[in-house]
Amino acid sequence: MPPELKDILILAIMNPATLVAGYWLGRSSDQAQKIAIAAFIAAIAGTIYVWLLMYLGFSAWRPRLIAGVFIASAMLGAGYAGFGYWTRRFRSPR
């Protein structure tokens, strides 16, 4: 039985690792092109967090969710990284 889309989206949206990693890496980026890299790293952090929740027993063990959570976390991570990038203070070049 395939995983429910609702379960994937809840695990991706309510994931603090994706939010923190995406925003922090977007905020520390000096070029807009690095938002894609920050989104990928945020997706990895979010996937590890969900796997850890499943491994420790806080969520039902359904490994098929992890691939969907990675994709959804990558899209959300791009949004968080973009938000972090555009809210940072621009430094003047020396």
Protein backbone atom coordinates (compact mmCIF):
# COMPACT_ATOMS: atom_id res chain seq x y z
CA MET A 1 0.00 0.00 0.00
CA PRO A 2 1.53 3.36 -0.99
CA PRO A 3 1.99 6.05 1.64
CA GLU A 4 -0.64 8.72 2.07
CA LEU A 5 0.19 12.13 0.64
CA LYS A 6 -1.22 13.70 3.80
CA ASP A 7 1.32 11.82 5.95
CA ILE A 8 4.20 12.90 3.71
CA LEU A 9 3.16 16.56 3.76
CA ILE A 10 2.63 16.61 7.52
CA LEU A 11 6.06 15.09 8.16
CA ALA A 12 7.67 17.55 5.72
CA ILE A 13 5.87 20.71 6.86
CA MET A 14 6.16 20.06 10.59
CA ASN A 15 9.85 19.19 10.31
CA PRO A 16 12.04 21.59 12.30
CA ALA A 17 15.27 20.26 10.78
CA THR A 18 14.23 21.34 7.28
CA LEU A 19 13.14 24.76 8.47
CA VAL A 20 16.26 25.48 10.53
CA ALA A 21 18.73 24.10 7.99
CA GLY A 22 17.09 25.82 5.01
CA TYR A 23 16.75 29.20 6.70
CA TRP A 24 20.22 29.13 8.25
CA LEU A 25 21.97 28.07 5.04
CA GLY A 26 19.95 30.55 2.98
CA ARG A 27 20.85 33.31 5.41
CA SER A 28 24.55 32.51 5.17
CA SER A 29 24.53 32.28 1.35
CA ASP A 30 26.32 35.03 -0.50
CA GLN A 31 24.85 34.20 -3.93
CA ALA A 32 21.30 33.38 -4.98
CA GLN A 33 22.51 30.27 -6.82
CA LYS A 34 23.36 28.66 -3.49
CA ILE A 35 19.66 28.44 -2.58
CA ALA A 36 19.42 25.17 -4.54
CA ILE A 37 22.31 23.70 -2.58
CA ALA A 38 20.77 24.90 0.69
CA ALA A 39 17.45 23.28 -0.29
CA PHE A 40 19.16 19.96 -0.99
CA ILE A 41 21.02 20.03 2.33
CA ALA A 42 17.81 21.00 4.14
CA ALA A 43 16.06 18.03 2.51
CA ILE A 44 18.82 15.71 3.71
CA ALA A 45 18.56 17.13 7.24
CA GLY A 46 14.78 16.74 7.21
CA THR A 47 14.98 13.18 5.95
CA ILE A 48 17.48 12.24 8.64
CA TYR A 49 15.19 13.80 11.25
CA VAL A 50 12.17 11.79 10.03
CA TRP A 51 14.23 8.59 9.92
CA LEU A 52 15.37 9.27 13.49
CA LEU A 53 11.75 9.78 14.60
CA MET A 54 10.81 6.46 13.04
CA TYR A 55 13.85 4.67 14.46
CA LEU A 56 13.22 5.92 17.99
CA GLY A 57 9.54 4.94 17.80
CA PHE A 58 7.95 8.39 17.85
CA SER A 59 6.37 7.73 14.45
CA ALA A 60 5.16 4.52 12.79
CA TRP A 61 7.92 2.67 10.95
CA ARG A 62 7.05 3.17 7.29
CA PRO A 63 10.23 3.43 5.21
CA ARG A 64 8.25 4.22 2.05
CA LEU A 65 7.48 7.66 3.47
CA ILE A 66 11.12 8.71 3.46
CA ALA A 67 11.42 9.21 -0.31
CA GLY A 68 8.32 11.41 -0.41
CA VAL A 69 9.47 13.37 2.62
CA PHE A 70 12.79 14.01 0.88
CA ILE A 71 11.08 15.49 -2.20
CA ALA A 72 8.64 17.59 -0.15
CA SER A 73 11.46 18.75 2.16
CA ALA A 74 13.53 19.81 -0.86
CA MET A 75 10.70 22.01 -2.12
CA LEU A 76 10.02 23.47 1.32
CA GLY A 77 13.76 23.85 1.94
CA ALA A 78 14.03 25.95 -1.21
CA GLY A 79 11.33 28.24 0.15
CA TYR A 80 12.97 28.48 3.58
CA ALA A 81 16.40 29.08 2.04
CA GLY A 82 15.00 31.74 -0.27
CA PHE A 83 13.31 33.44 2.66
CA GLY A 84 16.56 33.33 4.62
CA TYR A 85 18.51 34.71 1.67
CA TRP A 86 16.20 37.62 1.04
CA THR A 87 15.87 38.61 4.70
CA ARG A 88 19.59 38.81 5.38
CA ARG A 89 21.47 42.06 5.55
CA PHE A 90 23.56 42.70 2.51
CA ARG A 91 27.14 43.58 3.23
CA SER A 92 28.82 46.28 1.25
CA PRO A 93 31.81 45.09 -0.79
CA ARG A 94 35.18 46.30 0.35
